[in-house]
PDB file of all heavy atoms in Angstrom:
ATOM      1  N   GLY A   1      27.485 -93.102 -77.043  1.00  0.00           N
ATOM      2  CA  GLY A   1      26.177 -93.571 -76.614  1.00  0.00           C
ATOM      3  C   GLY A   1      25.874 -93.217 -75.150  1.00  0.00           C
ATOM      4  O   GLY A   1      25.875 -92.039 -74.789  1.00  0.00           O
ATOM      5  N   LEU A   2      25.670 -94.242 -74.334  1.00  0.00           N
ATOM      6  CA  LEU A   2      25.381 -94.035 -72.929  1.00  0.00           C
ATOM      7  C   LEU A   2      26.575 -93.432 -72.131  1.00  0.00           C
ATOM      8  O   LEU A   2      26.394 -92.979 -71.006  1.00  0.00           O
ATOM      9  CB  LEU A   2      24.979 -95.359 -72.286  1.00  0.00           C
ATOM     10  CG  LEU A   2      23.727 -96.015 -72.792  1.00  0.00           C
ATOM     11  CD1 LEU A   2      23.532 -97.376 -72.147  1.00  0.00           C
ATOM     12  CD2 LEU A   2      22.522 -95.156 -72.586  1.00  0.00           C
ATOM     13  N   TYR A   3      27.772 -93.485 -72.746  1.00  0.00           N
ATOM     14  CA  TYR A   3      28.951 -93.067 -72.015  1.00  0.00           C
ATOM     15  C   TYR A   3      29.502 -91.691 -72.441  1.00  0.00           C
ATOM     16  O   TYR A   3      30.634 -91.360 -72.194  1.00  0.00           O
ATOM     17  CB  TYR A   3      30.048 -94.153 -72.132  1.00  0.00           C
ATOM     18  CG  TYR A   3      29.610 -95.425 -71.501  1.00  0.00           C
ATOM     19  CD1 TYR A   3      29.171 -96.512 -72.246  1.00  0.00           C
ATOM     20  CD2 TYR A   3      29.585 -95.561 -70.120  1.00  0.00           C
ATOM     21  CE1 TYR A   3      28.753 -97.689 -71.670  1.00  0.00           C
ATOM     22  CE2 TYR A   3      29.131 -96.745 -69.533  1.00  0.00           C
ATOM     23  CZ  TYR A   3      28.722 -97.783 -70.294  1.00  0.00           C
ATOM     24  OH  TYR A   3      28.300 -98.958 -69.690  1.00  0.00           O
ATOM     25  N   THR A   4      28.622 -90.879 -73.087  1.00  0.00           N
ATOM     26  CA  THR A   4      29.033 -89.507 -73.399  1.00  0.00           C
ATOM     27  C   THR A   4      28.817 -88.603 -72.206  1.00  0.00           C
ATOM     28  O   THR A   4      27.923 -88.900 -71.389  1.00  0.00           O
ATOM     29  CB  THR A   4      28.239 -88.956 -74.622  1.00  0.00           C
ATOM     30  OG1 THR A   4      26.841 -88.869 -74.216  1.00  0.00           O
ATOM     31  CG2 THR A   4      28.432 -89.817 -75.859  1.00  0.00           C
ATOM     32  N   PRO A   5      29.489 -87.499 -72.101  1.00  0.00           N
ATOM     33  CA  PRO A   5      29.264 -86.537 -71.008  1.00  0.00           C
ATOM     34  C   PRO A   5      27.798 -86.066 -71.037  1.00  0.00           C
ATOM     35  O   PRO A   5      27.185 -85.902 -69.979  1.00  0.00           O
ATOM     36  CB  PRO A   5      30.228 -85.412 -71.288  1.00  0.00           C
ATOM     37  CG  PRO A   5      31.336 -86.063 -72.077  1.00  0.00           C
ATOM     38  CD  PRO A   5      30.686 -87.122 -72.900  1.00  0.00           C
ATOM     39  N   GLU A   6      27.245 -85.864 -72.221  1.00  0.00           N
ATOM     40  CA  GLU A   6      25.840 -85.396 -72.318  1.00  0.00           C
ATOM     41  C   GLU A   6      24.873 -86.397 -71.768  1.00  0.00           C
ATOM     42  O   GLU A   6      23.926 -86.073 -71.057  1.00  0.00           O
ATOM     43  CB  GLU A   6      25.489 -85.084 -73.794  1.00  0.00           C
ATOM     44  CG  GLU A   6      26.279 -83.965 -74.398  1.00  0.00           C
ATOM     45  CD  GLU A   6      27.699 -84.382 -74.852  1.00  0.00           C
ATOM     46  OE1 GLU A   6      27.956 -85.606 -74.988  1.00  0.00           O
ATOM     47  OE2 GLU A   6      28.538 -83.492 -75.074  1.00  0.00           O
ATOM     48  N   ALA A   7      25.109 -87.685 -72.065  1.00  0.00           N
ATOM     49  CA  ALA A   7      24.212 -88.733 -71.560  1.00  0.00           C
ATOM     50  C   ALA A   7      24.335 -88.829 -70.028  1.00  0.00           C
ATOM     51  O   ALA A   7      23.325 -89.039 -69.339  1.00  0.00           O
ATOM     52  CB  ALA A   7      24.581 -90.101 -72.193  1.00  0.00           C
ATOM     53  N   THR A   8      25.526 -88.640 -69.495  1.00  0.00           N
ATOM     54  CA  THR A   8      25.735 -88.670 -68.051  1.00  0.00           C
ATOM     55  C   THR A   8      24.937 -87.520 -67.399  1.00  0.00           C
ATOM     56  O   THR A   8      24.256 -87.735 -66.388  1.00  0.00           O
ATOM     57  CB  THR A   8      27.220 -88.583 -67.704  1.00  0.00           C
ATOM     58  OG1 THR A   8      27.878 -89.732 -68.249  1.00  0.00           O
ATOM     59  CG2 THR A   8      27.462 -88.534 -66.201  1.00  0.00           C
ATOM     60  N   VAL A   9      25.048 -86.312 -67.989  1.00  0.00           N
ATOM     61  CA  VAL A   9      24.294 -85.179 -67.424  1.00  0.00           C
ATOM     62  C   VAL A   9      22.796 -85.460 -67.444  1.00  0.00           C
ATOM     63  O   VAL A   9      22.094 -85.206 -66.471  1.00  0.00           O
ATOM     64  CB  VAL A   9      24.606 -83.880 -68.231  1.00  0.00           C
ATOM     65  CG1 VAL A   9      23.668 -82.764 -67.886  1.00  0.00           C
ATOM     66  CG2 VAL A   9      26.040 -83.447 -67.922  1.00  0.00           C
ATOM     67  N   GLN A  10      22.311 -86.008 -68.549  1.00  0.00           N
ATOM     68  CA  GLN A  10      20.875 -86.323 -68.645  1.00  0.00           C
ATOM     69  C   GLN A  10      20.449 -87.396 -67.640  1.00  0.00           C
ATOM     70  O   GLN A  10      19.365 -87.282 -67.057  1.00  0.00           O
ATOM     71  CB  GLN A  10      20.553 -86.814 -70.058  1.00  0.00           C
ATOM     72  CG  GLN A  10      20.600 -85.723 -71.109  1.00  0.00           C
ATOM     73  CD  GLN A  10      20.373 -86.256 -72.513  1.00  0.00           C
ATOM     74  OE1 GLN A  10      20.321 -87.488 -72.747  1.00  0.00           O
ATOM     75  NE2 GLN A  10      20.247 -85.331 -73.470  1.00  0.00           N
ATOM     76  N   THR A  11      21.316 -88.374 -67.425  1.00  0.00           N
ATOM     77  CA  THR A  11      20.996 -89.416 -66.451  1.00  0.00           C
ATOM     78  C   THR A  11      20.898 -88.858 -65.061  1.00  0.00           C
ATOM     79  O   THR A  11      19.908 -89.115 -64.353  1.00  0.00           O
ATOM     80  CB  THR A  11      22.052 -90.533 -66.502  1.00  0.00           C
ATOM     81  OG1 THR A  11      22.058 -91.127 -67.797  1.00  0.00           O
ATOM     82  CG2 THR A  11      21.819 -91.559 -65.413  1.00  0.00           C
ATOM     83  N   TYR A  12      21.823 -88.041 -64.631  1.00  0.00           N
ATOM     84  CA  TYR A  12      21.807 -87.490 -63.276  1.00  0.00           C
ATOM     85  C   TYR A  12      20.675 -86.492 -63.125  1.00  0.00           C
ATOM     86  O   TYR A  12      20.056 -86.417 -62.051  1.00  0.00           O
ATOM     87  CB  TYR A  12      23.141 -86.896 -62.885  1.00  0.00           C
ATOM     88  CG  TYR A  12      24.113 -87.984 -62.483  1.00  0.00           C
ATOM     89  CD1 TYR A  12      24.963 -88.584 -63.405  1.00  0.00           C
ATOM     90  CD2 TYR A  12      24.148 -88.441 -61.167  1.00  0.00           C
ATOM     91  CE1 TYR A  12      25.810 -89.586 -63.033  1.00  0.00           C
ATOM     92  CE2 TYR A  12      25.028 -89.457 -60.792  1.00  0.00           C
ATOM     93  CZ  TYR A  12      25.852 -90.046 -61.741  1.00  0.00           C
ATOM     94  OH  TYR A  12      26.675 -91.054 -61.378  1.00  0.00           O
ATOM     95  N   ALA A  13      20.346 -85.758 -64.150  1.00  0.00           N
ATOM     96  CA  ALA A  13      19.207 -84.843 -64.102  1.00  0.00           C
ATOM     97  C   ALA A  13      17.906 -85.612 -63.917  1.00  0.00           C
ATOM     98  O   ALA A  13      17.046 -85.198 -63.102  1.00  0.00           O
ATOM     99  CB  ALA A  13      19.130 -83.967 -65.375  1.00  0.00           C
ATOM    100  N   ARG A  14      17.749 -86.732 -64.645  1.00  0.00           N
ATOM    101  CA  ARG A  14      16.566 -87.542 -64.489  1.00  0.00           C
ATOM    102  C   ARG A  14      16.487 -88.158 -63.115  1.00  0.00           C
ATOM    103  O   ARG A  14      15.431 -88.209 -62.487  1.00  0.00           O
ATOM    104  CB  ARG A  14      16.547 -88.619 -65.574  1.00  0.00           C
ATOM    105  CG  ARG A  14      15.331 -89.523 -65.504  1.00  0.00           C
ATOM    106  CD  ARG A  14      14.039 -88.790 -65.844  1.00  0.00           C
ATOM    107  NE  ARG A  14      12.918 -89.733 -65.894  1.00  0.00           N
ATOM    108  CZ  ARG A  14      11.740 -89.469 -65.481  1.00  0.00           C
ATOM    109  NH1 ARG A  14      11.422 -88.294 -65.047  1.00  0.00           N
ATOM    110  NH2 ARG A  14      10.793 -90.413 -65.512  1.00  0.00           N
ATOM    111  N   LEU A  15      17.606 -88.626 -62.579  1.00  0.00           N
ATOM    112  CA  LEU A  15      17.632 -89.189 -61.226  1.00  0.00           C
ATOM    113  C   LEU A  15      17.227 -88.120 -60.179  1.00  0.00           C
ATOM    114  O   LEU A  15      16.455 -88.400 -59.265  1.00  0.00           O
ATOM    115  CB  LEU A  15      19.016 -89.744 -60.856  1.00  0.00           C
ATOM    116  CG  LEU A  15      19.430 -91.025 -61.572  1.00  0.00           C
ATOM    117  CD1 LEU A  15      20.896 -91.327 -61.314  1.00  0.00           C
ATOM    118  CD2 LEU A  15      18.538 -92.179 -61.149  1.00  0.00           C
ATOM    119  N   ALA A  16      17.715 -86.898 -60.364  1.00  0.00           N
ATOM    120  CA  ALA A  16      17.336 -85.839 -59.451  1.00  0.00           C
ATOM    121  C   ALA A  16      15.862 -85.492 -59.547  1.00  0.00           C
ATOM    122  O   ALA A  16      15.191 -85.272 -58.517  1.00  0.00           O
ATOM    123  CB  ALA A  16      18.166 -84.583 -59.726  1.00  0.00           C
ATOM    124  N   GLU A  17      15.339 -85.491 -60.745  1.00  0.00           N
ATOM    125  CA  GLU A  17      13.912 -85.232 -60.964  1.00  0.00           C
ATOM    126  C   GLU A  17      13.056 -86.304 -60.252  1.00  0.00           C
ATOM    127  O   GLU A  17      12.104 -85.985 -59.552  1.00  0.00           O
ATOM    128  CB  GLU A  17      13.643 -85.250 -62.472  1.00  0.00           C
ATOM    129  CG  GLU A  17      12.218 -85.034 -62.906  1.00  0.00           C
ATOM    130  CD  GLU A  17      12.110 -85.162 -64.434  1.00  0.00           C
ATOM    131  OE1 GLU A  17      12.858 -84.449 -65.157  1.00  0.00           O
ATOM    132  OE2 GLU A  17      11.279 -85.978 -64.881  1.00  0.00           O
ATOM    133  N   LEU A  18      13.437 -87.565 -60.432  1.00  0.00           N
ATOM    134  CA  LEU A  18      12.682 -88.640 -59.814  1.00  0.00           C
ATOM    135  C   LEU A  18      12.832 -88.593 -58.277  1.00  0.00           C
ATOM    136  O   LEU A  18      11.847 -88.832 -57.537  1.00  0.00           O
ATOM    137  CB  LEU A  18      13.177 -89.996 -60.329  1.00  0.00           C
ATOM    138  CG  LEU A  18      12.842 -90.247 -61.802  1.00  0.00           C
ATOM    139  CD1 LEU A  18      13.576 -91.513 -62.298  1.00  0.00           C
ATOM    140  CD2 LEU A  18      11.348 -90.345 -62.044  1.00  0.00           C
ATOM    141  N   ALA A  19      14.059 -88.299 -57.811  1.00  0.00           N
ATOM    142  CA  ALA A  19      14.255 -88.218 -56.358  1.00  0.00           C
ATOM    143  C   ALA A  19      13.399 -87.121 -55.779  1.00  0.00           C
ATOM    144  O   ALA A  19      12.787 -87.312 -54.697  1.00  0.00           O
ATOM    145  CB  ALA A  19      15.744 -87.968 -56.047  1.00  0.00           C
ATOM    146  N   ARG A  20      13.318 -85.998 -56.455  1.00  0.00           N
ATOM    147  CA  ARG A  20      12.508 -84.883 -55.962  1.00  0.00           C
ATOM    148  C   ARG A  20      11.013 -85.279 -55.827  1.00  0.00           C
ATOM    149  O   ARG A  20      10.409 -85.040 -54.798  1.00  0.00           O
ATOM    150  CB  ARG A  20      12.646 -83.680 -56.903  1.00  0.00           C
ATOM    151  CG  ARG A  20      11.716 -82.507 -56.523  1.00  0.00           C
ATOM    152  CD  ARG A  20      11.803 -81.355 -57.452  1.00  0.00           C
ATOM    153  NE  ARG A  20      13.045 -80.706 -57.407  1.00  0.00           N
ATOM    154  CZ  ARG A  20      13.425 -79.813 -56.457  1.00  0.00           C
ATOM    155  NH1 ARG A  20      12.563 -79.474 -55.498  1.00  0.00           N
ATOM    156  NH2 ARG A  20      14.621 -79.268 -56.479  1.00  0.00           N
ATOM    157  N   VAL A  21      10.498 -85.937 -56.868  1.00  0.00           N
ATOM    158  CA  VAL A  21       9.108 -86.369 -56.833  1.00  0.00           C
ATOM    159  C   VAL A  21       8.842 -87.296 -55.636  1.00  0.00           C
ATOM    160  O   VAL A  21       7.855 -87.113 -54.920  1.00  0.00           O
ATOM    161  CB  VAL A  21       8.710 -87.060 -58.196  1.00  0.00           C
ATOM    162  CG1 VAL A  21       7.371 -87.759 -58.079  1.00  0.00           C
ATOM    163  CG2 VAL A  21       8.732 -86.052 -59.299  1.00  0.00           C
ATOM    164  N   VAL A  22       9.722 -88.248 -55.444  1.00  0.00           N
ATOM    165  CA  VAL A  22       9.541 -89.210 -54.363  1.00  0.00           C
ATOM    166  C   VAL A  22       9.684 -88.545 -53.012  1.00  0.00           C
ATOM    167  O   VAL A  22       8.853 -88.762 -52.113  1.00  0.00           O
ATOM    168  CB  VAL A  22      10.514 -90.388 -54.497  1.00  0.00           C
ATOM    169  CG1 VAL A  22      10.407 -91.334 -53.310  1.00  0.00           C
ATOM    170  CG2 VAL A  22      10.221 -91.138 -55.822  1.00  0.00           C
ATOM    171  N   LEU A  23      10.679 -87.686 -52.842  1.00  0.00           N
ATOM    172  CA  LEU A  23      10.875 -86.986 -51.577  1.00  0.00           C
ATOM    173  C   LEU A  23       9.678 -86.030 -51.260  1.00  0.00           C
ATOM    174  O   LEU A  23       9.231 -85.960 -50.130  1.00  0.00           O
ATOM    175  CB  LEU A  23      12.146 -86.197 -51.602  1.00  0.00           C
ATOM    176  CG  LEU A  23      13.430 -87.046 -51.553  1.00  0.00           C
ATOM    177  CD1 LEU A  23      14.665 -86.212 -51.887  1.00  0.00           C
ATOM    178  CD2 LEU A  23      13.590 -87.693 -50.171  1.00  0.00           C
ATOM    179  N   GLU A  24       9.212 -85.344 -52.291  1.00  0.00           N
ATOM    180  CA  GLU A  24       8.071 -84.453 -52.101  1.00  0.00           C
ATOM    181  C   GLU A  24       6.807 -85.217 -51.710  1.00  0.00           C
ATOM    182  O   GLU A  24       5.899 -84.688 -51.107  1.00  0.00           O
ATOM    183  CB  GLU A  24       7.839 -83.572 -53.313  1.00  0.00           C
ATOM    184  CG  GLU A  24       8.910 -82.491 -53.435  1.00  0.00           C
ATOM    185  CD  GLU A  24       8.771 -81.633 -54.671  1.00  0.00           C
ATOM    186  OE1 GLU A  24       8.109 -82.045 -55.660  1.00  0.00           O
ATOM    187  OE2 GLU A  24       9.398 -80.542 -54.684  1.00  0.00           O
ATOM    188  N   ALA A  25       6.771 -86.495 -52.068  1.00  0.00           N
ATOM    189  CA  ALA A  25       5.640 -87.371 -51.680  1.00  0.00           C
ATOM    190  C   ALA A  25       5.830 -87.906 -50.249  1.00  0.00           C
ATOM    191  O   ALA A  25       5.003 -88.647 -49.749  1.00  0.00           O
ATOM    192  CB  ALA A  25       5.506 -88.544 -52.670  1.00  0.00           C
ATOM    193  N   GLY A  26       6.939 -87.524 -49.615  1.00  0.00           N
ATOM    194  CA  GLY A  26       7.156 -87.921 -48.220  1.00  0.00           C
ATOM    195  C   GLY A  26       7.828 -89.255 -48.042  1.00  0.00           C
ATOM    196  O   GLY A  26       7.824 -89.813 -46.948  1.00  0.00           O
ATOM    197  N   ARG A  27       8.414 -89.791 -49.086  1.00  0.00           N
ATOM    198  CA  ARG A  27       9.065 -91.102 -49.002  1.00  0.00           C
ATOM    199  C   ARG A  27      10.619 -90.936 -49.012  1.00  0.00           C
ATOM    200  O   ARG A  27      11.107 -89.984 -49.624  1.00  0.00           O
ATOM    201  CB  ARG A  27       8.638 -91.946 -50.191  1.00  0.00           C
ATOM    202  CG  ARG A  27       7.142 -92.124 -50.358  1.00  0.00           C
ATOM    203  CD  ARG A  27       6.489 -92.810 -49.201  1.00  0.00           C
ATOM    204  NE  ARG A  27       7.013 -94.143 -49.043  1.00  0.00           N
ATOM    205  CZ  ARG A  27       6.677 -94.976 -48.110  1.00  0.00           C
ATOM    206  NH1 ARG A  27       5.809 -94.642 -47.202  1.00  0.00           N
ATOM    207  NH2 ARG A  27       7.224 -96.173 -48.023  1.00  0.00           N
ATOM    208  N   PRO A  28      11.341 -91.840 -48.409  1.00  0.00           N
ATOM    209  CA  PRO A  28      12.796 -91.817 -48.488  1.00  0.00           C
ATOM    210  C   PRO A  28      13.292 -92.261 -49.865  1.00  0.00           C
ATOM    211  O   PRO A  28      12.573 -92.981 -50.552  1.00  0.00           O
ATOM    212  CB  PRO A  28      13.237 -92.757 -47.406  1.00  0.00           C
ATOM    213  CG  PRO A  28      12.094 -93.710 -47.252  1.00  0.00           C
ATOM    214  CD  PRO A  28      10.850 -92.934 -47.577  1.00  0.00           C
ATOM    215  N   VAL A  29      14.463 -91.804 -50.227  1.00  0.00           N
ATOM    216  CA  VAL A  29      15.046 -92.144 -51.522  1.00  0.00           C
ATOM    217  C   VAL A  29      16.456 -92.599 -51.333  1.00  0.00           C
ATOM    218  O   VAL A  29      17.248 -92.028 -50.598  1.00  0.00           O
ATOM    219  CB  VAL A  29      15.036 -90.932 -52.480  1.00  0.00           C
ATOM    220  CG1 VAL A  29      15.788 -91.184 -53.777  1.00  0.00           C
ATOM    221  CG2 VAL A  29      13.603 -90.495 -52.777  1.00  0.00           C
ATOM    222  N   LEU A  30      16.805 -93.659 -52.084  1.00  0.00           N
ATOM    223  CA  LEU A  30      18.189 -94.116 -52.213  1.00  0.00           C
ATOM    224  C   LEU A  30      18.518 -94.071 -53.701  1.00  0.00           C
ATOM    225  O   LEU A  30      17.866 -94.735 -54.494  1.00  0.00           O
ATOM    226  CB  LEU A  30      18.341 -95.554 -51.692  1.00  0.00           C
ATOM    227  CG  LEU A  30      19.744 -96.129 -51.874  1.00  0.00           C
ATOM    228  CD1 LEU A  30      20.723 -95.478 -50.940  1.00  0.00           C
ATOM    229  CD2 LEU A  30      19.702 -97.629 -51.620  1.00  0.00           C
ATOM    230  N   VAL A  31      19.459 -93.208 -54.072  1.00  0.00           N
ATOM    231  CA  VAL A  31      19.791 -93.031 -55.488  1.00  0.00           C
ATOM    232  C   VAL A  31      21.043 -93.860 -55.703  1.00  0.00           C
ATOM    233  O   VAL A  31      22.106 -93.660 -55.122  1.00  0.00           O
ATOM    234  CB  VAL A  31      20.085 -91.554 -55.843  1.00  0.00           C
ATOM    235  CG1 VAL A  31      20.450 -91.423 -57.288  1.00  0.00           C
ATOM    236  CG2 VAL A  31      18.838 -90.710 -55.505  1.00  0.00           C
TER     237      VAL A  31
END
């Protein structure tokens, strides 16, 4: 489930995507 390598890759990819959006909006990010 949530603890497969594939799920981990998807989670970090989504975090990076969200961090990018927030940073590009000029806001700081804490992941």
